[in-house]
C-alpha atoms as a PDB file:
ATOM      1  CA  MET A   1       7.504  -1.973  11.821  1.00  0.00           C
ATOM      2  CA  ASP A   2       8.737   1.516  10.591  1.00  0.00           C
ATOM      3  CA  ALA A   3      11.312  -0.089   8.333  1.00  0.00           C
ATOM      4  CA  GLU A   4       8.738  -2.319   6.512  1.00  0.00           C
ATOM      5  CA  ILE A   5       6.342   0.468   6.046  1.00  0.00           C
ATOM      6  CA  ASP A   6       8.816   2.618   4.594  1.00  0.00           C
ATOM      7  CA  PHE A   7      10.007  -0.488   2.176  1.00  0.00           C
ATOM      8  CA  LEU A   8       6.335  -0.956   1.005  1.00  0.00           C
ATOM      9  CA  LEU A   9       5.683   2.641   0.423  1.00  0.00           C
ATOM     10  CA  GLN A  10       8.905   3.049  -1.446  1.00  0.00           C
ATOM     11  CA  ARG A  11       8.041  -0.252  -3.403  1.00  0.00           C
ATOM     12  CA  VAL A  12       4.695   1.199  -4.632  1.00  0.00           C
ATOM     13  CA  ALA A  13       6.783   4.482  -5.567  1.00  0.00           C
ATOM     14  CA  ASP A  14       9.356   2.744  -7.708  1.00  0.00           C
ATOM     15  CA  SER A  15       6.747   0.433  -9.366  1.00  0.00           C
ATOM     16  CA  ASN A  16       5.619   1.185 -12.622  1.00  0.00           C
ATOM     17  CA  CYS A  17       2.111   0.062 -11.356  1.00  0.00           C
ATOM     18  CA  LEU A  18      -1.257   2.017 -11.235  1.00  0.00           C
ATOM     19  CA  PHE A  19      -2.750   2.478  -7.990  1.00  0.00           C
ATOM     20  CA  VAL A  20      -6.409   2.856  -8.145  1.00  0.00           C
ATOM     21  CA  ARG A  21      -8.410   4.914  -5.447  1.00  0.00           C
ATOM     22  CA  ASN A  22     -12.116   5.580  -5.379  1.00  0.00           C
ATOM     23  CA  GLY A  23     -12.301   4.830  -9.402  1.00  0.00           C
ATOM     24  CA  HIS A  24      -9.181   7.064 -10.201  1.00  0.00           C
ATOM     25  CA  GLU A  25      -5.698   6.024 -11.288  1.00  0.00           C
ATOM     26  CA  TYR A  26      -2.528   7.174  -9.773  1.00  0.00           C
ATOM     27  CA  ASP A  27       1.148   6.541 -10.545  1.00  0.00           C
ATOM     28  CA  GLY A  28       3.561   5.232  -7.747  1.00  0.00           C
ATOM     29  CA  ILE A  29       4.706   8.254  -6.524  1.00  0.00           C
ATOM     30  CA  ALA A  30       1.436   9.781  -6.075  1.00  0.00           C
ATOM     31  CA  ALA A  31       0.347   6.556  -4.307  1.00  0.00           C
ATOM     32  CA  ARG A  32       3.300   6.863  -1.872  1.00  0.00           C
ATOM     33  CA  LYS A  33       2.489  10.407  -0.856  1.00  0.00           C
ATOM     34  CA  HIS A  34      -1.207   9.551  -0.285  1.00  0.00           C
ATOM     35  CA  LEU A  35      -0.384   6.575   1.683  1.00  0.00           C
ATOM     36  CA  GLN A  36       2.353   8.644   3.665  1.00  0.00           C
ATOM     37  CA  MET A  37      -0.231  11.102   4.686  1.00  0.00           C
ATOM     38  CA  LYS A  38      -2.314   8.334   5.663  1.00  0.00           C
ATOM     39  CA  ARG A  39       0.199   6.737   7.723  1.00  0.00           C
ATOM     40  CA  GLN A  40       0.831   9.795   9.720  1.00  0.00           C
ATOM     41  CA  ARG A  41      -2.586  10.671  10.384  1.00  0.00           C
ATOM     42  CA  GLY A  42      -3.643   7.223  11.254  1.00  0.00           C
ATOM     43  CA  ARG A  43      -0.817   6.356  13.543  1.00  0.00           C
ATOM     44  CA  LYS A  44      -3.176   5.313  16.676  1.00  0.00           C
ATOM     45  CA  TYR A  45      -5.271   2.839  13.894  1.00  0.00           C
ATOM     46  CA  TYR A  46      -2.106   0.296  13.722  1.00  0.00           C
ATOM     47  CA  ALA A  47       0.369  -1.172  15.964  1.00  0.00           C
ATOM     48  CA  SER A  48       2.058  -3.556  13.099  1.00  0.00           C
ATOM     49  CA  SER A  49       2.734  -3.561   9.597  1.00  0.00           C
ATOM     50  CA  GLU A  50      -0.153  -6.056   9.048  1.00  0.00           C
ATOM     51  CA  GLU A  51      -2.601  -3.485  10.644  1.00  0.00           C
ATOM     52  CA  PHE A  52      -1.154  -0.775   8.522  1.00  0.00           C
ATOM     53  CA  ILE A  53      -1.760  -2.779   5.498  1.00  0.00           C
ATOM     54  CA  GLU A  54      -5.313  -3.605   6.645  1.00  0.00           C
ATOM     55  CA  ARG A  55      -6.644  -0.616   8.350  1.00  0.00           C
ATOM     56  CA  ILE A  56      -4.709   2.326   6.230  1.00  0.00           C
ATOM     57  CA  ALA A  57      -3.071   1.131   3.085  1.00  0.00           C
ATOM     58  CA  SER A  58      -6.064  -1.483   1.510  1.00  0.00           C
ATOM     59  CA  HIS A  59      -9.270   0.646   1.551  1.00  0.00           C
ATOM     60  CA  SER A  60     -10.570   4.427   1.212  1.00  0.00           C
ATOM     61  CA  SER A  61     -11.294   5.743   4.758  1.00  0.00           C
ATOM     62  CA  TRP A  62     -13.922   8.076   3.093  1.00  0.00           C
ATOM     63  CA  THR A  63     -15.878   5.537   0.737  1.00  0.00           C
ATOM     64  CA  GLY A  64     -14.874   2.018   1.900  1.00  0.00           C
ATOM     65  CA  LYS A  65     -13.982   0.827  -1.497  1.00  0.00           C
ATOM     66  CA  PRO A  66     -10.770  -1.185  -1.563  1.00  0.00           C
ATOM     67  CA  TYR A  67      -7.578   0.045  -3.289  1.00  0.00           C
ATOM     68  CA  LEU A  68      -6.580  -1.782  -6.292  1.00  0.00           C
ATOM     69  CA  ILE A  69      -3.183  -2.237  -7.934  1.00  0.00           C
ATOM     70  CA  ARG A  70      -2.661  -2.649 -11.617  1.00  0.00           C
ATOM     71  CA  CYS A  71       0.780  -3.728 -12.806  1.00  0.00           C
ATOM     72  CA  GLY A  72       1.330  -4.290 -16.603  1.00  0.00           C
ATOM     73  CA  GLY A  73      -0.181  -7.419 -17.763  1.00  0.00           C
ATOM     74  CA  GLU A  74      -0.708  -8.940 -14.485  1.00  0.00           C
ATOM     75  CA  PRO A  75      -4.143  -9.510 -13.096  1.00  0.00           C
ATOM     76  CA  GLU A  76      -5.229  -6.448 -11.264  1.00  0.00           C
ATOM     77  CA  SER A  77      -4.748  -7.141  -7.315  1.00  0.00           C
ATOM     78  CA  THR A  78      -6.219  -5.358  -4.306  1.00  0.00           C
ATOM     79  CA  ALA A  79      -3.782  -3.425  -2.498  1.00  0.00           C
ATOM     80  CA  GLN A  80      -3.968  -5.558   0.260  1.00  0.00           C
ATOM     81  CA  ALA A  81      -2.900  -8.821  -1.182  1.00  0.00           C
ATOM     82  CA  TRP A  82      -0.186  -6.797  -3.108  1.00  0.00           C
ATOM     83  CA  PHE A  83       1.251  -5.301   0.153  1.00  0.00           C
ATOM     84  CA  SER A  84       0.965  -8.410   1.979  1.00  0.00           C
ATOM     85  CA  ALA A  85       2.947 -10.411  -0.486  1.00  0.00           C
ATOM     86  CA  LEU A  86       5.548  -7.601  -0.596  1.00  0.00           C
ATOM     87  CA  LEU A  87       5.891  -7.726   3.143  1.00  0.00           C
ATOM     88  CA  GLY A  88       6.260 -11.504   3.129  1.00  0.00           C
ATOM     89  CA  GLU A  89       9.144 -11.240   0.601  1.00  0.00           C
ATOM     90  CA  TYR A  90      10.898  -8.452   2.777  1.00  0.00           C
ATOM     91  CA  ARG A  91      10.653 -10.667   5.805  1.00  0.00           C
ATOM     92  CA  GLU A  92      12.273 -13.593   3.921  1.00  0.00           C
ATOM     93  CA  SER A  93      15.007 -11.936   2.652  1.00  0.00           C
ATOM     94  CA  GLY A  94      15.751  -9.794   5.451  1.00  0.00           C
ATOM     95  CA  PRO A  95      16.519  -6.088   5.445  1.00  0.00           C
END
């Protein structure tokens, strides 16, 4: 699980995507920093990579608003869908 989450956080940091949190856009490095903080503080709320995505990386714990991802000319996506797709790719290709 930790390797998978590390992968997801590194991918967001390395991306040229914008991470939208509560109406404000952040680059991938800022997104990773925020999600890493939430990861540390919220460890008791997840026991799998899927739960991390669903409970920690998908929405604001303050407002309940979903996080969004904007990547270039691609359609905007929810963070939950974006991270879930990346997790599937990671598992298919192997670490």
